[in-house]
Amino acid sequence: MKKQVITFGEIMLRLATPGFTRFVQTNTFEATYGGGEANVSVALAGYGLESYFVTRLPKHEIGEAALQAVQRYGVKTDYVVRGGDRVGIYFLETGASQRASKVVYDRAASAVSEFDETMVDWDAIFAGKSWFHWTGITPALGEKPRKALVAACKAAKKAGVTISCDLNFRAKLWTEKEAQAVMNPLMEYVDVCIANEEDAEKSLGFKAGTTDVEGAHLDEQGYKNLARELKKAYGFETVAITLRESFSASHNGWSAMLHDDKDCTDPVRSTRYDIQIVDRVGGGDSFASGLIFGLLSKNNTRDALEFAVAASCLKHTIPGDFNLVRADEVEKLIKSGGSGRVER
């Protein structure tokens, strides 16, 4: 029987400038769909898991297009609620070299912001499921989705479902003070915590040593200490921290660290990949989905970490939010060491 995973969050219409053009110079936008939990659902379906996405979408054509965007990749939408007036939008200007990418949100009053906890039967949803994943974006969307998330976590815990959270702090949605007031209590439900240094600091108040991402300097010992502190403070089974070295908008170093109760009782760092970026959006979600798949399918957690980092490395080469790779392609990258040779 396939492992069954639930995600809960918002899918948005993504309007991106073509190529590397700026907002002020383009007359057209490339329309696709994406969003934290939706991105995770798509990747997990691609790896062969039974992947369910819970959200709320309007009944009009744009809502239907968003629904079909995940259905086409095998995501199950049995628990999607239809209603509301609008799909959230985000505008993307892709940066290059020393010019950073920019995102502008237009998501106020989106359908999912009015997602009431009574709109679905959470107990029924989690019956027989293996995993529940959410991100820090969902509780930032408003009081109603925040209460729905708490209800979901309680139901998942009661059903014995593993819960993962990618902290995903978004400064355009709430302040650090607001985030910490909400996120800290939610950590009592979380088994697997996924973060980067900014998320850990702004969502929970924990700092990763002297790391300077923009200066491409990583304090590895600081990250190890951070992993230990998070695990001790909240009793997480697993802590995963992504490590990004930002040499420019186009060139990043990419690796991660894992600390758990099984094979990585002392925090360990993964293989490091040197990435020339095509599209960075969704990179963290691709790591989260790779880690979930790895923890559900690998013999040890170190292998799960390597799968997650390699999967996310590949996502950085794919336009759009979704990580459209197969598990065997990820395994091939791990074995090859990242040569990128043409397959003939």
C-alpha atoms as a PDB file:
ATOM      1  CA  MET A   1       0.000   0.000   0.000  1.00  0.00           C
ATOM      2  CA  LYS A   2       1.298   3.466  -0.905  1.00  0.00           C
ATOM      3  CA  LYS A   3       2.189   5.891   1.873  1.00  0.00           C
ATOM      4  CA  GLN A   4      -0.449   8.628   2.069  1.00  0.00           C
ATOM      5  CA  VAL A   5       0.530  12.239   2.728  1.00  0.00           C
ATOM      6  CA  ILE A   6      -1.683  15.256   3.471  1.00  0.00           C
ATOM      7  CA  THR A   7      -0.661  18.881   2.932  1.00  0.00           C
ATOM      8  CA  PHE A   8      -2.733  21.954   3.835  1.00  0.00           C
ATOM      9  CA  GLY A   9      -2.176  25.450   2.483  1.00  0.00           C
ATOM     10  CA  GLU A  10      -2.657  27.894  -0.368  1.00  0.00           C
ATOM     11  CA  ILE A  11      -2.074  27.511  -4.088  1.00  0.00           C
ATOM     12  CA  MET A  12      -1.536  30.768  -5.941  1.00  0.00           C
ATOM     13  CA  LEU A  13      -1.499  32.069  -9.482  1.00  0.00           C
ATOM     14  CA  ARG A  14       2.107  32.915 -10.338  1.00  0.00           C
ATOM     15  CA  LEU A  15       2.611  35.731 -12.862  1.00  0.00           C
ATOM     16  CA  ALA A  16       6.288  35.886 -13.818  1.00  0.00           C
ATOM     17  CA  THR A  17       8.091  38.260 -16.137  1.00  0.00           C
ATOM     18  CA  PRO A  18       9.500  36.405 -19.170  1.00  0.00           C
ATOM     19  CA  GLY A  19      13.159  35.476 -18.895  1.00  0.00           C
ATOM     20  CA  PHE A  20      14.982  38.009 -16.764  1.00  0.00           C
ATOM     21  CA  THR A  21      12.931  41.081 -17.706  1.00  0.00           C
ATOM     22  CA  ARG A  22      11.908  43.555 -15.036  1.00  0.00           C
ATOM     23  CA  PHE A  23       8.373  44.405 -13.965  1.00  0.00           C
ATOM     24  CA  VAL A  24       8.656  47.889 -15.506  1.00  0.00           C
ATOM     25  CA  GLN A  25       9.714  46.638 -18.939  1.00  0.00           C
ATOM     26  CA  THR A  26       7.440  43.654 -19.604  1.00  0.00           C
ATOM     27  CA  ASN A  27       4.098  43.688 -21.400  1.00  0.00           C
ATOM     28  CA  THR A  28       3.320  40.030 -20.662  1.00  0.00           C
ATOM     29  CA  PHE A  29       3.463  37.600 -17.762  1.00  0.00           C
ATOM     30  CA  GLU A  30       3.903  33.837 -17.793  1.00  0.00           C
ATOM     31  CA  ALA A  31       1.063  32.264 -15.811  1.00  0.00           C
ATOM     32  CA  THR A  32       1.632  29.122 -13.750  1.00  0.00           C
ATOM     33  CA  TYR A  33       0.556  27.983 -10.274  1.00  0.00           C
ATOM     34  CA  GLY A  34       2.385  27.230  -7.056  1.00  0.00           C
ATOM     35  CA  GLY A  35       2.578  27.593  -3.301  1.00  0.00           C
ATOM     36  CA  GLY A  36       4.435  25.930  -0.431  1.00  0.00           C
ATOM     37  CA  GLU A  37       2.237  22.962   0.383  1.00  0.00           C
ATOM     38  CA  ALA A  38       1.011  22.537  -3.197  1.00  0.00           C
ATOM     39  CA  ASN A  39       4.631  22.316  -4.338  1.00  0.00           C
ATOM     40  CA  VAL A  40       5.286  19.582  -1.777  1.00  0.00           C
ATOM     41  CA  SER A  41       2.188  17.656  -2.850  1.00  0.00           C
ATOM     42  CA  VAL A  42       3.197  17.704  -6.512  1.00  0.00           C
ATOM     43  CA  ALA A  43       6.717  16.475  -5.809  1.00  0.00           C
ATOM     44  CA  LEU A  44       5.501  13.663  -3.549  1.00  0.00           C
ATOM     45  CA  ALA A  45       3.011  12.496  -6.170  1.00  0.00           C
ATOM     46  CA  GLY A  46       5.886  12.442  -8.663  1.00  0.00           C
ATOM     47  CA  TYR A  47       7.855  10.188  -6.328  1.00  0.00           C
ATOM     48  CA  GLY A  48       4.961   7.735  -6.295  1.00  0.00           C
ATOM     49  CA  LEU A  49       3.327   8.524  -2.953  1.00  0.00           C
ATOM     50  CA  GLU A  50      -0.415   9.030  -2.556  1.00  0.00           C
ATOM     51  CA  SER A  51      -0.450  12.791  -2.144  1.00  0.00           C
ATOM     52  CA  TYR A  52      -3.511  14.784  -1.007  1.00  0.00           C
ATOM     53  CA  PHE A  53      -3.740  18.582  -1.014  1.00  0.00           C
ATOM     54  CA  VAL A  54      -6.232  20.385   1.249  1.00  0.00           C
ATOM     55  CA  THR A  55      -7.132  23.969   0.341  1.00  0.00           C
ATOM     56  CA  ARG A  56     -10.066  26.188  -0.643  1.00  0.00           C
ATOM     57  CA  LEU A  57     -10.564  27.458  -4.194  1.00  0.00           C
ATOM     58  CA  PRO A  58     -13.296  29.484  -5.925  1.00  0.00           C
ATOM     59  CA  LYS A  59     -15.730  27.711  -8.212  1.00  0.00           C
ATOM     60  CA  HIS A  60     -14.893  29.963 -11.169  1.00  0.00           C
ATOM     61  CA  GLU A  61     -12.503  29.148 -14.007  1.00  0.00           C
ATOM     62  CA  ILE A  62      -9.324  30.417 -12.334  1.00  0.00           C
ATOM     63  CA  GLY A  63     -10.071  28.292  -9.301  1.00  0.00           C
ATOM     64  CA  GLU A  64     -10.594  25.312 -11.594  1.00  0.00           C
ATOM     65  CA  ALA A  65      -7.328  26.025 -13.396  1.00  0.00           C
ATOM     66  CA  ALA A  66      -5.478  26.052 -10.074  1.00  0.00           C
ATOM     67  CA  LEU A  67      -7.095  22.744  -9.141  1.00  0.00           C
ATOM     68  CA  GLN A  68      -6.141  21.158 -12.455  1.00  0.00           C
ATOM     69  CA  ALA A  69      -2.573  22.449 -12.098  1.00  0.00           C
ATOM     70  CA  VAL A  70      -1.945  19.949  -9.291  1.00  0.00           C
ATOM     71  CA  GLN A  71      -4.266  17.227 -10.578  1.00  0.00           C
ATOM     72  CA  ARG A  72      -2.279  16.914 -13.800  1.00  0.00           C
ATOM     73  CA  TYR A  73       0.730  15.751 -11.768  1.00  0.00           C
ATOM     74  CA  GLY A  74      -1.199  13.147  -9.812  1.00  0.00           C
ATOM     75  CA  VAL A  75      -2.145  15.076  -6.673  1.00  0.00           C
ATOM     76  CA  LYS A  76      -5.454  13.963  -5.156  1.00  0.00           C
ATOM     77  CA  THR A  77      -7.897  16.800  -4.514  1.00  0.00           C
ATOM     78  CA  ASP A  78     -10.675  14.884  -2.724  1.00  0.00           C
ATOM     79  CA  TYR A  79     -10.500  17.271   0.248  1.00  0.00           C
ATOM     80  CA  VAL A  80     -10.379  20.591  -1.627  1.00  0.00           C
ATOM     81  CA  VAL A  81     -13.212  22.911  -0.557  1.00  0.00           C
ATOM     82  CA  ARG A  82     -14.806  25.023  -3.296  1.00  0.00           C
ATOM     83  CA  GLY A  83     -15.886  28.547  -2.451  1.00  0.00           C
ATOM     84  CA  GLY A  84     -14.723  32.125  -2.039  1.00  0.00           C
ATOM     85  CA  ASP A  85     -14.111  34.776  -4.673  1.00  0.00           C
ATOM     86  CA  ARG A  86     -10.457  34.808  -5.590  1.00  0.00           C
ATOM     87  CA  VAL A  87      -7.226  32.888  -6.007  1.00  0.00           C
ATOM     88  CA  GLY A  88      -4.206  34.568  -4.449  1.00  0.00           C
ATOM     89  CA  ILE A  89      -1.628  35.957  -6.888  1.00  0.00           C
ATOM     90  CA  TYR A  90       2.074  36.541  -6.681  1.00  0.00           C
ATOM     91  CA  PHE A  91       4.162  38.420  -9.224  1.00  0.00           C
ATOM     92  CA  LEU A  92       7.746  37.283  -9.813  1.00  0.00           C
ATOM     93  CA  GLU A  93      10.664  39.152 -11.330  1.00  0.00           C
ATOM     94  CA  THR A  94      13.542  36.689 -11.750  1.00  0.00           C
ATOM     95  CA  GLY A  95      16.906  38.155 -10.859  1.00  0.00           C
ATOM     96  CA  ALA A  96      20.329  37.357 -12.294  1.00  0.00           C
ATOM     97  CA  SER A  97      23.908  37.781 -11.134  1.00  0.00           C
ATOM     98  CA  GLN A  98      23.930  40.585  -8.526  1.00  0.00           C
ATOM     99  CA  ARG A  99      20.261  41.579  -9.108  1.00  0.00           C
ATOM    100  CA  ALA A 100      17.999  39.701  -6.702  1.00  0.00           C
ATOM    101  CA  SER A 101      14.630  38.236  -7.621  1.00  0.00           C
ATOM    102  CA  LYS A 102      11.562  40.120  -6.388  1.00  0.00           C
ATOM    103  CA  VAL A 103       8.103  38.927  -5.337  1.00  0.00           C
ATOM    104  CA  VAL A 104       4.976  41.080  -5.014  1.00  0.00           C
ATOM    105  CA  TYR A 105       1.933  39.521  -3.340  1.00  0.00           C
ATOM    106  CA  ASP A 106      -1.715  40.121  -4.183  1.00  0.00           C
ATOM    107  CA  ARG A 107      -3.346  37.539  -1.922  1.00  0.00           C
ATOM    108  CA  ALA A 108      -5.568  39.496   0.486  1.00  0.00           C
ATOM    109  CA  ALA A 109      -9.058  37.986   0.874  1.00  0.00           C
ATOM    110  CA  SER A 110      -8.122  34.867  -1.090  1.00  0.00           C
ATOM    111  CA  ALA A 111     -10.429  31.873  -0.734  1.00  0.00           C
ATOM    112  CA  VAL A 112      -8.128  30.001   1.639  1.00  0.00           C
ATOM    113  CA  SER A 113      -7.908  32.984   4.022  1.00  0.00           C
ATOM    114  CA  GLU A 114     -11.561  32.231   4.828  1.00  0.00           C
ATOM    115  CA  PHE A 115     -10.957  28.507   5.336  1.00  0.00           C
ATOM    116  CA  ASP A 116     -13.011  27.640   8.422  1.00  0.00           C
ATOM    117  CA  GLU A 117     -12.020  24.658  10.575  1.00  0.00           C
ATOM    118  CA  THR A 118     -15.531  23.203  10.186  1.00  0.00           C
ATOM    119  CA  MET A 119     -15.337  23.042   6.374  1.00  0.00           C
ATOM    120  CA  VAL A 120     -13.700  19.593   6.426  1.00  0.00           C
ATOM    121  CA  ASP A 121     -13.774  16.545   8.668  1.00  0.00           C
ATOM    122  CA  TRP A 122     -10.153  16.394   9.809  1.00  0.00           C
ATOM    123  CA  ASP A 123     -10.611  13.091  11.615  1.00  0.00           C
ATOM    124  CA  ALA A 124     -11.849  11.468   8.409  1.00  0.00           C
ATOM    125  CA  ILE A 125      -9.067  13.063   6.375  1.00  0.00           C
ATOM    126  CA  PHE A 126      -6.289  11.666   8.573  1.00  0.00           C
ATOM    127  CA  ALA A 127      -7.727   8.183   8.949  1.00  0.00           C
ATOM    128  CA  GLY A 128      -5.172   5.742   7.527  1.00  0.00           C
ATOM    129  CA  LYS A 129      -2.749   8.487   6.466  1.00  0.00           C
ATOM    130  CA  SER A 130       1.011   8.452   7.124  1.00  0.00           C
ATOM    131  CA  TRP A 131       2.145  12.070   7.131  1.00  0.00           C
ATOM    132  CA  PHE A 132       0.894  15.657   7.466  1.00  0.00           C
ATOM    133  CA  HIS A 133       2.932  18.611   6.191  1.00  0.00           C
ATOM    134  CA  TRP A 134       2.311  22.329   6.642  1.00  0.00           C
ATOM    135  CA  THR A 135       4.377  25.503   6.448  1.00  0.00           C
ATOM    136  CA  GLY A 136       4.569  28.740   8.418  1.00  0.00           C
ATOM    137  CA  ILE A 137       2.814  30.490   5.536  1.00  0.00           C
ATOM    138  CA  THR A 138      -0.581  28.944   6.330  1.00  0.00           C
ATOM    139  CA  PRO A 139      -1.030  30.357   9.869  1.00  0.00           C
ATOM    140  CA  ALA A 140       0.188  33.737   8.569  1.00  0.00           C
ATOM    141  CA  LEU A 141      -2.808  33.951   6.226  1.00  0.00           C
ATOM    142  CA  GLY A 142      -5.292  34.832   8.939  1.00  0.00           C
ATOM    143  CA  GLU A 143      -7.194  33.739  12.020  1.00  0.00           C
ATOM    144  CA  LYS A 144      -9.449  31.238  10.262  1.00  0.00           C
ATOM    145  CA  PRO A 145      -6.761  29.170   8.510  1.00  0.00           C
ATOM    146  CA  ARG A 146      -4.730  29.410  11.733  1.00  0.00           C
ATOM    147  CA  LYS A 147      -7.554  27.785  13.729  1.00  0.00           C
ATOM    148  CA  ALA A 148      -8.077  25.228  10.960  1.00  0.00           C
ATOM    149  CA  LEU A 149      -4.390  24.335  11.144  1.00  0.00           C
ATOM    150  CA  VAL A 150      -4.584  23.766  14.907  1.00  0.00           C
ATOM    151  CA  ALA A 151      -7.609  21.506  14.386  1.00  0.00           C
ATOM    152  CA  ALA A 152      -5.712  19.626  11.671  1.00  0.00           C
ATOM    153  CA  CYS A 153      -2.662  19.128  13.895  1.00  0.00           C
ATOM    154  CA  LYS A 154      -4.795  17.840  16.750  1.00  0.00           C
ATOM    155  CA  ALA A 155      -6.584  15.378  14.473  1.00  0.00           C
ATOM    156  CA  ALA A 156      -3.297  14.230  12.933  1.00  0.00           C
ATOM    157  CA  LYS A 157      -1.780  13.641  16.376  1.00  0.00           C
ATOM    158  CA  LYS A 158      -4.836  11.675  17.469  1.00  0.00           C
ATOM    159  CA  ALA A 159      -4.517   9.511  14.344  1.00  0.00           C
ATOM    160  CA  GLY A 160      -0.822   8.827  14.977  1.00  0.00           C
ATOM    161  CA  VAL A 161       0.250  10.700  11.843  1.00  0.00           C
ATOM    162  CA  THR A 162       3.790  12.129  11.600  1.00  0.00           C
ATOM    163  CA  ILE A 163       3.690  15.944  11.334  1.00  0.00           C
ATOM    164  CA  SER A 164       6.315  18.040   9.573  1.00  0.00           C
ATOM    165  CA  CYS A 165       6.565  21.811   9.425  1.00  0.00           C
ATOM    166  CA  ASP A 166       8.706  24.015   7.206  1.00  0.00           C
ATOM    167  CA  LEU A 167       8.922  27.263   9.203  1.00  0.00           C
ATOM    168  CA  ASN A 168       8.879  29.465   6.060  1.00  0.00           C
ATOM    169  CA  PHE A 169       8.818  32.966   7.574  1.00  0.00           C
ATOM    170  CA  ARG A 170       7.344  35.597   5.227  1.00  0.00           C
ATOM    171  CA  ALA A 171       7.981  39.194   6.286  1.00  0.00           C
ATOM    172  CA  LYS A 172       5.307  40.456   3.878  1.00  0.00           C
ATOM    173  CA  LEU A 173       2.652  38.453   5.751  1.00  0.00           C
ATOM    174  CA  TRP A 174       3.468  39.148   9.413  1.00  0.00           C
ATOM    175  CA  THR A 175       6.067  40.483  11.838  1.00  0.00           C
ATOM    176  CA  GLU A 176       8.611  38.453  13.791  1.00  0.00           C
ATOM    177  CA  LYS A 177       6.683  39.122  16.996  1.00  0.00           C
ATOM    178  CA  GLU A 178       3.424  37.898  15.464  1.00  0.00           C
ATOM    179  CA  ALA A 179       5.104  34.853  13.964  1.00  0.00           C
ATOM    180  CA  GLN A 180       6.770  33.789  17.216  1.00  0.00           C
ATOM    181  CA  ALA A 181       3.546  34.225  19.206  1.00  0.00           C
ATOM    182  CA  VAL A 182       1.771  31.815  16.841  1.00  0.00           C
ATOM    183  CA  MET A 183       4.527  29.440  15.767  1.00  0.00           C
ATOM    184  CA  ASN A 184       6.020  28.619  19.164  1.00  0.00           C
ATOM    185  CA  PRO A 185       2.813  27.014  20.525  1.00  0.00           C
ATOM    186  CA  LEU A 186       2.306  25.115  17.255  1.00  0.00           C
ATOM    187  CA  MET A 187       5.658  23.389  17.654  1.00  0.00           C
ATOM    188  CA  GLU A 188       4.175  21.052  20.278  1.00  0.00           C
ATOM    189  CA  TYR A 189       2.506  19.145  17.423  1.00  0.00           C
ATOM    190  CA  VAL A 190       5.577  18.923  15.165  1.00  0.00           C
ATOM    191  CA  ASP A 191       7.740  15.812  14.796  1.00  0.00           C
ATOM    192  CA  VAL A 192       9.966  16.971  11.912  1.00  0.00           C
ATOM    193  CA  CYS A 193      11.061  20.620  11.821  1.00  0.00           C
ATOM    194  CA  ILE A 194      12.495  22.036   8.584  1.00  0.00           C
ATOM    195  CA  ALA A 195      14.126  25.456   8.562  1.00  0.00           C
ATOM    196  CA  ASN A 196      16.858  27.740   7.351  1.00  0.00           C
ATOM    197  CA  GLU A 197      18.742  30.196   9.537  1.00  0.00           C
ATOM    198  CA  GLU A 198      16.346  33.099   8.855  1.00  0.00           C
ATOM    199  CA  ASP A 199      13.216  31.037   9.539  1.00  0.00           C
ATOM    200  CA  ALA A 200      14.589  29.715  12.821  1.00  0.00           C
ATOM    201  CA  GLU A 201      15.477  33.200  14.028  1.00  0.00           C
ATOM    202  CA  LYS A 202      12.370  35.068  12.900  1.00  0.00           C
ATOM    203  CA  SER A 203       9.745  32.371  13.497  1.00  0.00           C
ATOM    204  CA  LEU A 204      11.102  30.887  16.733  1.00  0.00           C
ATOM    205  CA  GLY A 205      13.827  33.220  18.006  1.00  0.00           C
ATOM    206  CA  PHE A 206      16.860  30.911  17.551  1.00  0.00           C
ATOM    207  CA  LYS A 207      20.011  32.174  15.798  1.00  0.00           C
ATOM    208  CA  ALA A 208      22.564  30.165  13.751  1.00  0.00           C
ATOM    209  CA  GLY A 209      25.869  31.495  15.080  1.00  0.00           C
ATOM    210  CA  THR A 210      27.736  33.973  12.856  1.00  0.00           C
ATOM    211  CA  THR A 211      26.346  32.803   9.518  1.00  0.00           C
ATOM    212  CA  ASP A 212      26.198  35.441   6.746  1.00  0.00           C
ATOM    213  CA  VAL A 213      24.250  33.965   3.812  1.00  0.00           C
ATOM    214  CA  GLU A 214      24.657  37.030   1.576  1.00  0.00           C
ATOM    215  CA  GLY A 215      28.381  36.981   2.233  1.00  0.00           C
ATOM    216  CA  ALA A 216      28.468  33.245   1.402  1.00  0.00           C
ATOM    217  CA  HIS A 217      29.866  32.447   4.842  1.00  0.00           C
ATOM    218  CA  LEU A 218      28.409  29.526   6.787  1.00  0.00           C
ATOM    219  CA  ASP A 219      29.207  28.933  10.421  1.00  0.00           C
ATOM    220  CA  GLU A 220      28.818  25.149  10.339  1.00  0.00           C
ATOM    221  CA  GLN A 221      29.271  24.774  14.080  1.00  0.00           C
ATOM    222  CA  GLY A 222      26.605  27.436  14.557  1.00  0.00           C
ATOM    223  CA  TYR A 223      24.183  25.370  12.484  1.00  0.00           C
ATOM    224  CA  LYS A 224      25.002  22.247  14.491  1.00  0.00           C
ATOM    225  CA  ASN A 225      24.326  24.131  17.706  1.00  0.00           C
ATOM    226  CA  LEU A 226      21.087  25.478  16.247  1.00  0.00           C
ATOM    227  CA  ALA A 227      19.907  21.974  15.354  1.00  0.00           C
ATOM    228  CA  ARG A 228      20.676  20.745  18.867  1.00  0.00           C
ATOM    229  CA  GLU A 229      18.947  23.732  20.480  1.00  0.00           C
ATOM    230  CA  LEU A 230      15.778  23.345  18.393  1.00  0.00           C
ATOM    231  CA  LYS A 231      15.592  19.635  19.077  1.00  0.00           C
ATOM    232  CA  LYS A 232      16.083  20.106  22.802  1.00  0.00           C
ATOM    233  CA  ALA A 233      13.675  23.038  23.109  1.00  0.00           C
ATOM    234  CA  TYR A 234      10.728  21.402  21.337  1.00  0.00           C
ATOM    235  CA  GLY A 235      11.423  17.679  21.521  1.00  0.00           C
ATOM    236  CA  PHE A 236      11.442  17.250  17.736  1.00  0.00           C
ATOM    237  CA  GLU A 237      12.236  13.777  16.420  1.00  0.00           C
ATOM    238  CA  THR A 238      14.112  15.328  13.491  1.00  0.00           C
ATOM    239  CA  VAL A 239      15.534  18.754  12.704  1.00  0.00           C
ATOM    240  CA  ALA A 240      16.601  19.556   9.132  1.00  0.00           C
ATOM    241  CA  ILE A 241      18.289  22.864   8.272  1.00  0.00           C
ATOM    242  CA  THR A 242      19.054  23.979   4.722  1.00  0.00           C
ATOM    243  CA  LEU A 243      22.393  25.739   4.150  1.00  0.00           C
ATOM    244  CA  ARG A 244      22.501  28.228   1.301  1.00  0.00           C
ATOM    245  CA  GLU A 245      25.643  30.130   0.272  1.00  0.00           C
ATOM    246  CA  SER A 246      24.493  33.034  -1.877  1.00  0.00           C
ATOM    247  CA  PHE A 247      27.367  34.089  -4.148  1.00  0.00           C
ATOM    248  CA  SER A 248      24.848  35.838  -6.430  1.00  0.00           C
ATOM    249  CA  ALA A 249      21.214  35.490  -7.556  1.00  0.00           C
ATOM    250  CA  SER A 250      22.432  33.013 -10.177  1.00  0.00           C
ATOM    251  CA  HIS A 251      25.058  31.082  -8.226  1.00  0.00           C
ATOM    252  CA  ASN A 252      24.478  29.352  -4.878  1.00  0.00           C
ATOM    253  CA  GLY A 253      26.110  26.687  -2.782  1.00  0.00           C
ATOM    254  CA  TRP A 254      23.478  24.255  -1.485  1.00  0.00           C
ATOM    255  CA  SER A 255      23.595  21.653   1.287  1.00  0.00           C
ATOM    256  CA  ALA A 256      21.738  20.772   4.488  1.00  0.00           C
ATOM    257  CA  MET A 257      22.127  19.443   8.000  1.00  0.00           C
ATOM    258  CA  LEU A 258      20.130  16.778   9.843  1.00  0.00           C
ATOM    259  CA  HIS A 259      19.837  15.902  13.521  1.00  0.00           C
ATOM    260  CA  ASP A 260      17.585  13.104  14.797  1.00  0.00           C
ATOM    261  CA  ASP A 261      17.198  10.218  17.238  1.00  0.00           C
ATOM    262  CA  LYS A 262      18.144   7.501  14.743  1.00  0.00           C
ATOM    263  CA  ASP A 263      21.149   7.703  12.415  1.00  0.00           C
ATOM    264  CA  CYS A 264      22.156  11.332  12.927  1.00  0.00           C
ATOM    265  CA  THR A 265      22.292  11.660  16.702  1.00  0.00           C
ATOM    266  CA  ASP A 266      25.106  14.146  16.153  1.00  0.00           C
ATOM    267  CA  PRO A 267      24.163  16.755  13.497  1.00  0.00           C
ATOM    268  CA  VAL A 268      25.544  15.784  10.067  1.00  0.00           C
ATOM    269  CA  ARG A 269      26.002  17.819   6.901  1.00  0.00           C
ATOM    270  CA  SER A 270      25.040  16.556   3.471  1.00  0.00           C
ATOM    271  CA  THR A 271      26.864  16.631   0.170  1.00  0.00           C
ATOM    272  CA  ARG A 272      27.260  20.211  -1.082  1.00  0.00           C
ATOM    273  CA  TYR A 273      26.127  21.175  -4.587  1.00  0.00           C
ATOM    274  CA  ASP A 274      27.312  24.178  -6.567  1.00  0.00           C
ATOM    275  CA  ILE A 275      24.198  25.435  -8.405  1.00  0.00           C
ATOM    276  CA  GLN A 276      23.725  27.722 -11.384  1.00  0.00           C
ATOM    277  CA  ILE A 277      20.118  28.758 -10.766  1.00  0.00           C
ATOM    278  CA  VAL A 278      17.315  28.719 -13.328  1.00  0.00           C
ATOM    279  CA  ASP A 279      14.478  29.236 -10.811  1.00  0.00           C
ATOM    280  CA  ARG A 280      14.978  29.409  -7.052  1.00  0.00           C
ATOM    281  CA  VAL A 281      11.282  29.583  -6.114  1.00  0.00           C
ATOM    282  CA  GLY A 282      10.157  26.317  -4.562  1.00  0.00           C
ATOM    283  CA  GLY A 283      13.691  25.253  -3.640  1.00  0.00           C
ATOM    284  CA  GLY A 284      12.861  24.899   0.041  1.00  0.00           C
ATOM    285  CA  ASP A 285       9.626  23.049  -0.723  1.00  0.00           C
ATOM    286  CA  SER A 286      11.529  20.609  -2.915  1.00  0.00           C
ATOM    287  CA  PHE A 287      13.886  19.939  -0.006  1.00  0.00           C
ATOM    288  CA  ALA A 288      10.920  19.345   2.321  1.00  0.00           C
ATOM    289  CA  SER A 289       9.214  16.956  -0.104  1.00  0.00           C
ATOM    290  CA  GLY A 290      12.480  15.115  -0.716  1.00  0.00           C
ATOM    291  CA  LEU A 291      13.016  14.744   3.016  1.00  0.00           C
ATOM    292  CA  ILE A 292       9.476  13.460   3.588  1.00  0.00           C
ATOM    293  CA  PHE A 293       9.882  10.914   0.804  1.00  0.00           C
ATOM    294  CA  GLY A 294      13.302   9.911   2.109  1.00  0.00           C
ATOM    295  CA  LEU A 295      12.126   9.482   5.694  1.00  0.00           C
ATOM    296  CA  LEU A 296       9.205   7.357   4.496  1.00  0.00           C
ATOM    297  CA  SER A 297      11.183   5.178   2.097  1.00  0.00           C
ATOM    298  CA  LYS A 298      14.908   5.074   2.971  1.00  0.00           C
ATOM    299  CA  ASN A 299      16.637   2.637   5.303  1.00  0.00           C
ATOM    300  CA  ASN A 300      18.385   5.405   7.221  1.00  0.00           C
ATOM    301  CA  THR A 301      17.923   9.099   7.790  1.00  0.00           C
ATOM    302  CA  ARG A 302      21.314  10.048   6.346  1.00  0.00           C
ATOM    303  CA  ASP A 303      20.141   8.672   2.991  1.00  0.00           C
ATOM    304  CA  ALA A 304      16.919  10.656   3.398  1.00  0.00           C
ATOM    305  CA  LEU A 305      18.966  13.833   3.841  1.00  0.00           C
ATOM    306  CA  GLU A 306      21.037  13.136   0.725  1.00  0.00           C
ATOM    307  CA  PHE A 307      17.876  12.505  -1.312  1.00  0.00           C
ATOM    308  CA  ALA A 308      16.320  15.771  -0.111  1.00  0.00           C
ATOM    309  CA  VAL A 309      19.367  17.888  -0.976  1.00  0.00           C
ATOM    310  CA  ALA A 310      19.796  16.289  -4.404  1.00  0.00           C
ATOM    311  CA  ALA A 311      16.086  16.692  -5.193  1.00  0.00           C
ATOM    312  CA  SER A 312      16.227  20.357  -4.256  1.00  0.00           C
ATOM    313  CA  CYS A 313      19.393  20.840  -6.294  1.00  0.00           C
ATOM    314  CA  LEU A 314      17.516  19.614  -9.369  1.00  0.00           C
ATOM    315  CA  LYS A 315      14.534  21.878  -8.656  1.00  0.00           C
ATOM    316  CA  HIS A 316      16.760  24.956  -8.936  1.00  0.00           C
ATOM    317  CA  THR A 317      17.210  24.032 -12.623  1.00  0.00           C
ATOM    318  CA  ILE A 318      13.462  23.848 -13.423  1.00  0.00           C
ATOM    319  CA  PRO A 319      11.262  26.879 -14.244  1.00  0.00           C
ATOM    320  CA  GLY A 320       8.113  27.197 -12.143  1.00  0.00           C
ATOM    321  CA  ASP A 321       7.277  26.322  -8.541  1.00  0.00           C
ATOM    322  CA  PHE A 322       6.921  22.569  -8.980  1.00  0.00           C
ATOM    323  CA  ASN A 323       9.796  20.084  -8.731  1.00  0.00           C
ATOM    324  CA  LEU A 324       9.032  17.890 -11.739  1.00  0.00           C
ATOM    325  CA  VAL A 325      11.621  15.160 -11.237  1.00  0.00           C
ATOM    326  CA  ARG A 326      11.340  11.425 -10.654  1.00  0.00           C
ATOM    327  CA  ALA A 327      12.937   9.580  -7.771  1.00  0.00           C
ATOM    328  CA  ASP A 328      15.269   7.724 -10.137  1.00  0.00           C
ATOM    329  CA  GLU A 329      16.574  11.045 -11.507  1.00  0.00           C
ATOM    330  CA  VAL A 330      17.391  12.146  -7.968  1.00  0.00           C
ATOM    331  CA  GLU A 331      19.166   8.855  -7.265  1.00  0.00           C
ATOM    332  CA  LYS A 332      21.165   9.261 -10.465  1.00  0.00           C
ATOM    333  CA  LEU A 333      22.369  12.694  -9.351  1.00  0.00           C
ATOM    334  CA  ILE A 334      23.419  11.297  -5.971  1.00  0.00           C
ATOM    335  CA  LYS A 335      25.433   8.531  -7.622  1.00  0.00           C
ATOM    336  CA  SER A 336      26.981  10.753 -10.306  1.00  0.00           C
ATOM    337  CA  GLY A 337      28.138  13.446  -7.918  1.00  0.00           C
ATOM    338  CA  GLY A 338      26.491  16.182  -9.984  1.00  0.00           C
ATOM    339  CA  SER A 339      28.308  16.023 -13.331  1.00  0.00           C
ATOM    340  CA  GLY A 340      25.265  17.092 -15.383  1.00  0.00           C
ATOM    341  CA  ARG A 341      26.415  15.137 -18.442  1.00  0.00           C
ATOM    342  CA  VAL A 342      24.023  14.766 -21.372  1.00  0.00           C
ATOM    343  CA  GLU A 343      21.945  11.567 -21.282  1.00  0.00           C
ATOM    344  CA  ARG A 344      21.991   9.833 -24.662  1.00  0.00           C
END
